[in-house]
């Protein structure tokens, strides 16, 4: 005997299939045991699986799991969840509110053009860090390394001179995993004529993700960094992973507004052993 759970898979930060960052989304009536949610995420083997439960009118509680850990904040799976709630489950509210354990309340607005805009807290800038260890792990030397601090989710930002350098990186993932932070983000200004303000890539082997295709939460560090460097508050950004993804971002004080589209890839049913959901 088994029990059934619905599942959706959505490509986030893209307007076409097989691009952007795929996320699994599992609607629930009440929380499953943590171990079962982690096992489902491991079985899905995507960067993140999002689980959500109703929490009142226009509100849901939301959690995110990589194949190995629960994470405190995830952008692409939040976008994917908002897409599922509005486009697949028929929610008419324009603005959705998600309660989270560490990031507080997050709001997502669905715009008439199909773009979803998420309001996330910025990550505070920390210390400048030593370049040498990061250069060894990435196989190329950044011009600087800056820390952005978050509980259980601190990132190093490795800043390069050109987008081509970021695209050419071939990191040693074991060396990346030995660095102090959970995440290592490589970034550079957009190439002349590209229409991009900056590009990035994100590596997180400690979280079970060697390279994340498109990372909304990384822009909670990238946007305040580039706002200070470029002297502006609105940005066109691209994560230049193999799949690639496009984001528009805006800095509003202590909030980063991160916007993008999403596309439904599949709907399905998870079967778990009877009694496993209790």
C-alpha atoms as a PDB file:
ATOM      1  CA  UNK A   1       0.000   0.000   0.000  1.00  0.00           C
ATOM      2  CA  UNK A   2       1.127   3.580  -0.644  1.00  0.00           C
ATOM      3  CA  UNK A   3      -0.020   7.151  -0.262  1.00  0.00           C
ATOM      4  CA  UNK A   4       0.005   9.741  -3.048  1.00  0.00           C
ATOM      5  CA  UNK A   5       1.272  13.319  -3.153  1.00  0.00           C
ATOM      6  CA  UNK A   6       1.057  15.700  -6.123  1.00  0.00           C
ATOM      7  CA  UNK A   7       4.272  17.064  -7.607  1.00  0.00           C
ATOM      8  CA  UNK A   8       5.057  19.722 -10.190  1.00  0.00           C
ATOM      9  CA  UNK A   9       8.354  20.516 -11.867  1.00  0.00           C
ATOM     10  CA  UNK A  10       8.901  24.065 -13.088  1.00  0.00           C
ATOM     11  CA  UNK A  11      11.765  25.690 -14.988  1.00  0.00           C
ATOM     12  CA  UNK A  12      12.306  29.042 -13.236  1.00  0.00           C
ATOM     13  CA  UNK A  13      13.945  32.244 -14.488  1.00  0.00           C
ATOM     14  CA  UNK A  14      13.238  31.364 -18.109  1.00  0.00           C
ATOM     15  CA  UNK A  15      10.458  31.664 -20.679  1.00  0.00           C
ATOM     16  CA  UNK A  16      11.261  28.356 -22.402  1.00  0.00           C
ATOM     17  CA  UNK A  17      11.546  24.729 -21.392  1.00  0.00           C
ATOM     18  CA  UNK A  18      14.894  23.092 -20.670  1.00  0.00           C
ATOM     19  CA  UNK A  19      16.479  26.354 -19.538  1.00  0.00           C
ATOM     20  CA  UNK A  20      16.593  28.243 -16.259  1.00  0.00           C
ATOM     21  CA  UNK A  21      16.606  26.299 -12.988  1.00  0.00           C
ATOM     22  CA  UNK A  22      14.265  23.326 -12.511  1.00  0.00           C
ATOM     23  CA  UNK A  23      12.519  23.083  -9.156  1.00  0.00           C
ATOM     24  CA  UNK A  24      10.119  20.499  -7.805  1.00  0.00           C
ATOM     25  CA  UNK A  25       7.054  21.811  -5.963  1.00  0.00           C
ATOM     26  CA  UNK A  26       4.983  19.620  -3.629  1.00  0.00           C
ATOM     27  CA  UNK A  27       1.679  21.043  -2.279  1.00  0.00           C
ATOM     28  CA  UNK A  28       0.707  19.686   1.138  1.00  0.00           C
ATOM     29  CA  UNK A  29      -2.274  19.974   3.459  1.00  0.00           C
ATOM     30  CA  UNK A  30       0.034  19.679   6.495  1.00  0.00           C
ATOM     31  CA  UNK A  31       3.742  19.180   6.999  1.00  0.00           C
ATOM     32  CA  UNK A  32       5.322  15.820   6.363  1.00  0.00           C
ATOM     33  CA  UNK A  33       8.035  14.508   8.687  1.00  0.00           C
ATOM     34  CA  UNK A  34      11.296  16.333   7.986  1.00  0.00           C
ATOM     35  CA  UNK A  35      13.082  13.101   7.107  1.00  0.00           C
ATOM     36  CA  UNK A  36      10.479  12.252   4.471  1.00  0.00           C
ATOM     37  CA  UNK A  37      10.716  15.695   2.856  1.00  0.00           C
ATOM     38  CA  UNK A  38      14.498  15.337   2.748  1.00  0.00           C
ATOM     39  CA  UNK A  39      14.174  11.873   1.210  1.00  0.00           C
ATOM     40  CA  UNK A  40      11.775  13.155  -1.451  1.00  0.00           C
ATOM     41  CA  UNK A  41      14.178  15.984  -2.291  1.00  0.00           C
ATOM     42  CA  UNK A  42      17.043  13.510  -2.576  1.00  0.00           C
ATOM     43  CA  UNK A  43      14.955  11.299  -4.870  1.00  0.00           C
ATOM     44  CA  UNK A  44      14.032  14.294  -7.037  1.00  0.00           C
ATOM     45  CA  UNK A  45      17.755  15.149  -7.297  1.00  0.00           C
ATOM     46  CA  UNK A  46      17.101  18.761  -8.279  1.00  0.00           C
ATOM     47  CA  UNK A  47      18.781  21.790  -6.748  1.00  0.00           C
ATOM     48  CA  UNK A  48      15.671  22.387  -4.634  1.00  0.00           C
ATOM     49  CA  UNK A  49      12.336  20.817  -3.845  1.00  0.00           C
ATOM     50  CA  UNK A  50       9.799  23.222  -2.318  1.00  0.00           C
ATOM     51  CA  UNK A  51       7.036  22.093   0.043  1.00  0.00           C
ATOM     52  CA  UNK A  52       4.188  24.391   1.069  1.00  0.00           C
ATOM     53  CA  UNK A  53       1.070  24.282   3.250  1.00  0.00           C
ATOM     54  CA  UNK A  54      -1.886  26.712   3.430  1.00  0.00           C
ATOM     55  CA  UNK A  55      -1.638  29.351   6.177  1.00  0.00           C
ATOM     56  CA  UNK A  56      -4.684  31.588   5.580  1.00  0.00           C
ATOM     57  CA  UNK A  57      -6.035  33.777   2.785  1.00  0.00           C
ATOM     58  CA  UNK A  58      -3.234  34.512   0.337  1.00  0.00           C
ATOM     59  CA  UNK A  59      -0.685  32.932   2.699  1.00  0.00           C
ATOM     60  CA  UNK A  60       1.324  29.726   2.677  1.00  0.00           C
ATOM     61  CA  UNK A  61       4.191  28.381   4.750  1.00  0.00           C
ATOM     62  CA  UNK A  62       7.147  27.359   2.609  1.00  0.00           C
ATOM     63  CA  UNK A  63      10.272  25.223   3.033  1.00  0.00           C
ATOM     64  CA  UNK A  64      13.049  24.258   0.620  1.00  0.00           C
ATOM     65  CA  UNK A  65      15.315  21.188   0.508  1.00  0.00           C
ATOM     66  CA  UNK A  66      18.336  20.403  -1.641  1.00  0.00           C
ATOM     67  CA  UNK A  67      19.177  16.702  -2.125  1.00  0.00           C
ATOM     68  CA  UNK A  68      21.151  16.844   1.144  1.00  0.00           C
ATOM     69  CA  UNK A  69      19.955  19.694   3.410  1.00  0.00           C
ATOM     70  CA  UNK A  70      17.146  22.141   4.181  1.00  0.00           C
ATOM     71  CA  UNK A  71      18.122  25.680   3.155  1.00  0.00           C
ATOM     72  CA  UNK A  72      17.069  29.002   4.733  1.00  0.00           C
ATOM     73  CA  UNK A  73      16.241  30.785   1.460  1.00  0.00           C
ATOM     74  CA  UNK A  74      15.708  29.798  -2.171  1.00  0.00           C
ATOM     75  CA  UNK A  75      14.711  32.083  -5.014  1.00  0.00           C
ATOM     76  CA  UNK A  76      13.997  29.848  -7.989  1.00  0.00           C
ATOM     77  CA  UNK A  77      11.900  27.375  -5.983  1.00  0.00           C
ATOM     78  CA  UNK A  78       9.904  30.280  -4.496  1.00  0.00           C
ATOM     79  CA  UNK A  79       9.219  31.558  -8.001  1.00  0.00           C
ATOM     80  CA  UNK A  80       8.259  28.013  -9.045  1.00  0.00           C
ATOM     81  CA  UNK A  81       5.908  27.695  -6.049  1.00  0.00           C
ATOM     82  CA  UNK A  82       4.166  30.977  -6.894  1.00  0.00           C
ATOM     83  CA  UNK A  83       3.805  29.760 -10.474  1.00  0.00           C
ATOM     84  CA  UNK A  84       2.211  26.474  -9.348  1.00  0.00           C
ATOM     85  CA  UNK A  85      -0.190  28.186  -6.921  1.00  0.00           C
ATOM     86  CA  UNK A  86      -1.419  30.703  -9.516  1.00  0.00           C
ATOM     87  CA  UNK A  87      -1.078  28.893 -12.846  1.00  0.00           C
ATOM     88  CA  UNK A  88      -1.827  25.297 -11.808  1.00  0.00           C
ATOM     89  CA  UNK A  89      -3.953  25.534  -8.660  1.00  0.00           C
ATOM     90  CA  UNK A  90      -6.066  28.534  -9.655  1.00  0.00           C
ATOM     91  CA  UNK A  91      -5.177  31.085  -6.953  1.00  0.00           C
ATOM     92  CA  UNK A  92      -6.407  34.520  -8.059  1.00  0.00           C
ATOM     93  CA  UNK A  93      -4.574  36.716  -5.559  1.00  0.00           C
ATOM     94  CA  UNK A  94      -2.053  38.952  -7.288  1.00  0.00           C
ATOM     95  CA  UNK A  95       0.317  38.953  -4.307  1.00  0.00           C
ATOM     96  CA  UNK A  96       1.192  35.792  -2.397  1.00  0.00           C
ATOM     97  CA  UNK A  97       2.811  35.756   1.030  1.00  0.00           C
ATOM     98  CA  UNK A  98       5.071  32.918   2.120  1.00  0.00           C
ATOM     99  CA  UNK A  99       6.002  32.391   5.738  1.00  0.00           C
ATOM    100  CA  UNK A 100       9.499  30.939   6.147  1.00  0.00           C
ATOM    101  CA  UNK A 101      11.500  29.728   9.112  1.00  0.00           C
ATOM    102  CA  UNK A 102      14.576  31.965   8.755  1.00  0.00           C
ATOM    103  CA  UNK A 103      13.829  34.559   6.073  1.00  0.00           C
ATOM    104  CA  UNK A 104      10.526  35.773   7.550  1.00  0.00           C
ATOM    105  CA  UNK A 105       7.595  36.641   5.300  1.00  0.00           C
ATOM    106  CA  UNK A 106       8.392  36.759   1.577  1.00  0.00           C
ATOM    107  CA  UNK A 107       5.963  38.251  -0.931  1.00  0.00           C
ATOM    108  CA  UNK A 108       5.661  37.355  -4.595  1.00  0.00           C
ATOM    109  CA  UNK A 109       3.584  39.386  -7.039  1.00  0.00           C
ATOM    110  CA  UNK A 110       2.345  37.983 -10.336  1.00  0.00           C
ATOM    111  CA  UNK A 111       2.355  40.710 -12.962  1.00  0.00           C
ATOM    112  CA  UNK A 112      -0.047  40.681 -15.958  1.00  0.00           C
ATOM    113  CA  UNK A 113       2.829  39.880 -18.342  1.00  0.00           C
ATOM    114  CA  UNK A 114       3.539  36.605 -16.528  1.00  0.00           C
ATOM    115  CA  UNK A 115       6.588  37.914 -14.671  1.00  0.00           C
ATOM    116  CA  UNK A 116       6.831  37.073 -10.971  1.00  0.00           C
ATOM    117  CA  UNK A 117       8.496  39.607  -8.657  1.00  0.00           C
ATOM    118  CA  UNK A 118       9.883  38.410  -5.319  1.00  0.00           C
ATOM    119  CA  UNK A 119      10.845  40.669  -2.431  1.00  0.00           C
ATOM    120  CA  UNK A 120      13.826  39.242  -0.538  1.00  0.00           C
ATOM    121  CA  UNK A 121      15.998  40.730   2.239  1.00  0.00           C
ATOM    122  CA  UNK A 122      19.503  41.802   1.243  1.00  0.00           C
ATOM    123  CA  UNK A 123      22.510  39.951   2.612  1.00  0.00           C
ATOM    124  CA  UNK A 124      24.818  42.269   4.587  1.00  0.00           C
ATOM    125  CA  UNK A 125      28.346  42.763   3.317  1.00  0.00           C
ATOM    126  CA  UNK A 126      31.081  41.357   5.517  1.00  0.00           C
ATOM    127  CA  UNK A 127      34.850  41.395   5.263  1.00  0.00           C
ATOM    128  CA  UNK A 128      37.120  41.249   2.266  1.00  0.00           C
ATOM    129  CA  UNK A 129      38.564  37.736   2.136  1.00  0.00           C
ATOM    130  CA  UNK A 130      41.834  36.220   0.943  1.00  0.00           C
ATOM    131  CA  UNK A 131      41.934  35.734  -2.809  1.00  0.00           C
ATOM    132  CA  UNK A 132      44.452  32.872  -2.918  1.00  0.00           C
ATOM    133  CA  UNK A 133      42.303  29.988  -1.687  1.00  0.00           C
ATOM    134  CA  UNK A 134      39.400  31.064  -3.871  1.00  0.00           C
ATOM    135  CA  UNK A 135      41.686  31.413  -6.890  1.00  0.00           C
ATOM    136  CA  UNK A 136      42.985  27.893  -6.335  1.00  0.00           C
ATOM    137  CA  UNK A 137      39.454  26.469  -6.058  1.00  0.00           C
ATOM    138  CA  UNK A 138      38.179  28.278  -9.159  1.00  0.00           C
ATOM    139  CA  UNK A 139      41.304  27.839 -11.262  1.00  0.00           C
ATOM    140  CA  UNK A 140      41.399  31.574 -11.991  1.00  0.00           C
ATOM    141  CA  UNK A 141      42.239  34.645  -9.928  1.00  0.00           C
ATOM    142  CA  UNK A 142      39.458  37.106  -9.075  1.00  0.00           C
ATOM    143  CA  UNK A 143      40.290  40.752  -8.504  1.00  0.00           C
ATOM    144  CA  UNK A 144      38.661  40.605  -5.046  1.00  0.00           C
ATOM    145  CA  UNK A 145      36.693  38.311  -2.766  1.00  0.00           C
ATOM    146  CA  UNK A 146      33.950  39.796  -0.582  1.00  0.00           C
ATOM    147  CA  UNK A 147      31.937  37.990   2.098  1.00  0.00           C
ATOM    148  CA  UNK A 148      28.157  38.350   2.379  1.00  0.00           C
ATOM    149  CA  UNK A 149      26.842  37.037   5.667  1.00  0.00           C
ATOM    150  CA  UNK A 150      23.680  35.046   6.358  1.00  0.00           C
ATOM    151  CA  UNK A 151      22.867  32.493   9.033  1.00  0.00           C
ATOM    152  CA  UNK A 152      23.712  29.031   7.659  1.00  0.00           C
ATOM    153  CA  UNK A 153      24.064  30.510   4.153  1.00  0.00           C
ATOM    154  CA  UNK A 154      27.127  32.783   4.019  1.00  0.00           C
ATOM    155  CA  UNK A 155      28.591  33.402   0.542  1.00  0.00           C
ATOM    156  CA  UNK A 156      31.898  34.539  -0.867  1.00  0.00           C
ATOM    157  CA  UNK A 157      31.586  36.790  -3.913  1.00  0.00           C
ATOM    158  CA  UNK A 158      34.561  36.311  -6.260  1.00  0.00           C
ATOM    159  CA  UNK A 159      34.655  39.329  -8.572  1.00  0.00           C
ATOM    160  CA  UNK A 160      36.316  39.045 -11.998  1.00  0.00           C
ATOM    161  CA  UNK A 161      37.105  41.668 -14.615  1.00  0.00           C
ATOM    162  CA  UNK A 162      35.123  40.125 -17.494  1.00  0.00           C
ATOM    163  CA  UNK A 163      32.087  37.953 -18.122  1.00  0.00           C
ATOM    164  CA  UNK A 164      34.239  35.688 -20.306  1.00  0.00           C
ATOM    165  CA  UNK A 165      36.394  34.804 -17.285  1.00  0.00           C
ATOM    166  CA  UNK A 166      33.314  33.772 -15.309  1.00  0.00           C
ATOM    167  CA  UNK A 167      31.969  31.683 -18.171  1.00  0.00           C
ATOM    168  CA  UNK A 168      35.335  29.920 -18.583  1.00  0.00           C
ATOM    169  CA  UNK A 169      35.663  28.825 -14.927  1.00  0.00           C
ATOM    170  CA  UNK A 170      36.185  25.114 -14.287  1.00  0.00           C
ATOM    171  CA  UNK A 171      36.169  24.877 -10.487  1.00  0.00           C
ATOM    172  CA  UNK A 172      37.658  22.112  -8.384  1.00  0.00           C
ATOM    173  CA  UNK A 173      34.536  21.233  -6.404  1.00  0.00           C
ATOM    174  CA  UNK A 174      36.448  19.504  -3.621  1.00  0.00           C
ATOM    175  CA  UNK A 175      38.495  22.660  -3.135  1.00  0.00           C
ATOM    176  CA  UNK A 176      35.335  24.795  -3.247  1.00  0.00           C
ATOM    177  CA  UNK A 177      33.837  22.571  -0.562  1.00  0.00           C
ATOM    178  CA  UNK A 178      36.844  23.168   1.688  1.00  0.00           C
ATOM    179  CA  UNK A 179      36.362  26.947   1.665  1.00  0.00           C
ATOM    180  CA  UNK A 180      34.691  28.467   4.758  1.00  0.00           C
ATOM    181  CA  UNK A 181      31.356  29.652   3.282  1.00  0.00           C
ATOM    182  CA  UNK A 182      28.482  27.475   2.134  1.00  0.00           C
ATOM    183  CA  UNK A 183      28.300  29.229  -1.260  1.00  0.00           C
ATOM    184  CA  UNK A 184      30.855  30.589  -3.709  1.00  0.00           C
ATOM    185  CA  UNK A 185      29.506  33.076  -6.271  1.00  0.00           C
ATOM    186  CA  UNK A 186      31.597  34.216  -9.235  1.00  0.00           C
ATOM    187  CA  UNK A 187      30.567  37.467 -10.897  1.00  0.00           C
ATOM    188  CA  UNK A 188      31.702  40.129 -13.370  1.00  0.00           C
ATOM    189  CA  UNK A 189      30.258  43.083 -15.280  1.00  0.00           C
ATOM    190  CA  UNK A 190      28.182  42.210 -18.322  1.00  0.00           C
ATOM    191  CA  UNK A 191      30.024  42.276 -21.646  1.00  0.00           C
ATOM    192  CA  UNK A 192      29.825  45.468 -23.679  1.00  0.00           C
ATOM    193  CA  UNK A 193      26.720  45.426 -25.880  1.00  0.00           C
ATOM    194  CA  UNK A 194      25.121  42.500 -24.022  1.00  0.00           C
ATOM    195  CA  UNK A 195      22.515  44.643 -22.263  1.00  0.00           C
ATOM    196  CA  UNK A 196      23.533  42.999 -18.992  1.00  0.00           C
ATOM    197  CA  UNK A 197      24.746  44.826 -15.902  1.00  0.00           C
ATOM    198  CA  UNK A 198      26.404  41.735 -14.446  1.00  0.00           C
ATOM    199  CA  UNK A 199      26.703  37.972 -14.824  1.00  0.00           C
ATOM    200  CA  UNK A 200      27.240  35.261 -12.238  1.00  0.00           C
ATOM    201  CA  UNK A 201      27.706  31.586 -11.484  1.00  0.00           C
ATOM    202  CA  UNK A 202      27.067  29.883  -8.139  1.00  0.00           C
ATOM    203  CA  UNK A 203      28.753  26.824  -6.624  1.00  0.00           C
ATOM    204  CA  UNK A 204      27.520  25.093  -3.452  1.00  0.00           C
ATOM    205  CA  UNK A 205      28.906  21.557  -3.064  1.00  0.00           C
ATOM    206  CA  UNK A 206      28.422  21.790   0.715  1.00  0.00           C
ATOM    207  CA  UNK A 207      24.674  21.992   0.044  1.00  0.00           C
ATOM    208  CA  UNK A 208      24.733  19.085  -2.409  1.00  0.00           C
ATOM    209  CA  UNK A 209      24.732  21.372  -5.477  1.00  0.00           C
ATOM    210  CA  UNK A 210      27.985  21.565  -7.421  1.00  0.00           C
ATOM    211  CA  UNK A 211      26.683  24.354  -9.667  1.00  0.00           C
ATOM    212  CA  UNK A 212      23.231  25.859  -9.310  1.00  0.00           C
ATOM    213  CA  UNK A 213      21.822  26.810 -12.739  1.00  0.00           C
ATOM    214  CA  UNK A 214      20.084  30.045 -11.607  1.00  0.00           C
ATOM    215  CA  UNK A 215      20.101  31.263  -8.008  1.00  0.00           C
ATOM    216  CA  UNK A 216      17.621  33.903  -6.891  1.00  0.00           C
ATOM    217  CA  UNK A 217      19.020  34.057  -3.354  1.00  0.00           C
ATOM    218  CA  UNK A 218      22.537  34.775  -4.671  1.00  0.00           C
ATOM    219  CA  UNK A 219      21.185  38.088  -5.941  1.00  0.00           C
ATOM    220  CA  UNK A 220      20.541  39.140  -2.339  1.00  0.00           C
ATOM    221  CA  UNK A 221      24.347  39.571  -2.287  1.00  0.00           C
ATOM    222  CA  UNK A 222      25.003  40.395  -5.946  1.00  0.00           C
ATOM    223  CA  UNK A 223      22.556  43.298  -6.157  1.00  0.00           C
ATOM    224  CA  UNK A 224      23.849  45.322  -3.179  1.00  0.00           C
ATOM    225  CA  UNK A 225      27.425  44.686  -4.339  1.00  0.00           C
ATOM    226  CA  UNK A 226      26.817  45.907  -7.892  1.00  0.00           C
ATOM    227  CA  UNK A 227      24.625  48.777  -6.684  1.00  0.00           C
ATOM    228  CA  UNK A 228      27.628  50.125  -4.775  1.00  0.00           C
ATOM    229  CA  UNK A 229      30.006  49.555  -7.702  1.00  0.00           C
ATOM    230  CA  UNK A 230      27.802  50.825 -10.527  1.00  0.00           C
ATOM    231  CA  UNK A 231      25.870  53.514  -8.638  1.00  0.00           C
ATOM    232  CA  UNK A 232      22.448  52.312  -9.797  1.00  0.00           C
ATOM    233  CA  UNK A 233      19.512  50.380  -8.390  1.00  0.00           C
ATOM    234  CA  UNK A 234      18.024  48.514 -11.369  1.00  0.00           C
ATOM    235  CA  UNK A 235      19.810  45.651 -13.094  1.00  0.00           C
ATOM    236  CA  UNK A 236      19.545  43.161 -15.919  1.00  0.00           C
ATOM    237  CA  UNK A 237      21.394  40.020 -14.846  1.00  0.00           C
ATOM    238  CA  UNK A 238      22.142  36.609 -16.266  1.00  0.00           C
ATOM    239  CA  UNK A 239      23.455  33.497 -14.573  1.00  0.00           C
ATOM    240  CA  UNK A 240      25.791  32.018 -17.150  1.00  0.00           C
ATOM    241  CA  UNK A 241      25.543  28.341 -16.191  1.00  0.00           C
ATOM    242  CA  UNK A 242      25.110  25.706 -18.885  1.00  0.00           C
ATOM    243  CA  UNK A 243      21.300  26.079 -18.728  1.00  0.00           C
ATOM    244  CA  UNK A 244      21.418  29.816 -18.107  1.00  0.00           C
ATOM    245  CA  UNK A 245      18.731  32.098 -16.733  1.00  0.00           C
ATOM    246  CA  UNK A 246      17.639  35.729 -16.842  1.00  0.00           C
ATOM    247  CA  UNK A 247      16.662  37.985 -13.965  1.00  0.00           C
ATOM    248  CA  UNK A 248      15.761  41.611 -13.536  1.00  0.00           C
ATOM    249  CA  UNK A 249      16.547  43.054 -10.124  1.00  0.00           C
ATOM    250  CA  UNK A 250      15.886  46.252  -8.227  1.00  0.00           C
ATOM    251  CA  UNK A 251      17.322  47.449  -4.933  1.00  0.00           C
ATOM    252  CA  UNK A 252      14.801  49.096  -2.582  1.00  0.00           C
ATOM    253  CA  UNK A 253      16.664  49.936   0.623  1.00  0.00           C
ATOM    254  CA  UNK A 254      17.050  46.649   2.515  1.00  0.00           C
ATOM    255  CA  UNK A 255      14.993  44.705  -0.049  1.00  0.00           C
ATOM    256  CA  UNK A 256      15.999  43.164  -3.364  1.00  0.00           C
ATOM    257  CA  UNK A 257      13.160  42.740  -5.858  1.00  0.00           C
ATOM    258  CA  UNK A 258      14.032  39.752  -8.066  1.00  0.00           C
ATOM    259  CA  UNK A 259      11.860  39.120 -11.121  1.00  0.00           C
ATOM    260  CA  UNK A 260      11.599  36.400 -13.724  1.00  0.00           C
ATOM    261  CA  UNK A 261       9.360  34.035 -15.637  1.00  0.00           C
ATOM    262  CA  UNK A 262       8.697  30.316 -15.280  1.00  0.00           C
ATOM    263  CA  UNK A 263       7.491  27.399 -17.401  1.00  0.00           C
ATOM    264  CA  UNK A 264       5.722  24.185 -16.328  1.00  0.00           C
ATOM    265  CA  UNK A 265       7.642  21.041 -17.290  1.00  0.00           C
ATOM    266  CA  UNK A 266       5.661  18.229 -15.641  1.00  0.00           C
ATOM    267  CA  UNK A 267       2.904  17.267 -13.266  1.00  0.00           C
ATOM    268  CA  UNK A 268       2.900  13.936 -11.496  1.00  0.00           C
ATOM    269  CA  UNK A 269       2.291  11.866  -8.393  1.00  0.00           C
ATOM    270  CA  UNK A 270       4.704  10.822  -5.690  1.00  0.00           C
ATOM    271  CA  UNK A 271       3.999   7.476  -4.061  1.00  0.00           C
ATOM    272  CA  UNK A 272       5.270   6.992  -0.522  1.00  0.00           C
ATOM    273  CA  UNK A 273       4.763   4.029   1.829  1.00  0.00           C
ATOM    274  CA  UNK A 274       1.445   3.980   3.696  1.00  0.00           C
ATOM    275  CA  UNK A 275       1.806   5.736   7.034  1.00  0.00           C
ATOM    276  CA  UNK A 276       4.990   7.590   5.998  1.00  0.00           C
ATOM    277  CA  UNK A 277       3.185  10.939   5.972  1.00  0.00           C
ATOM    278  CA  UNK A 278       1.973  10.645   9.574  1.00  0.00           C
END
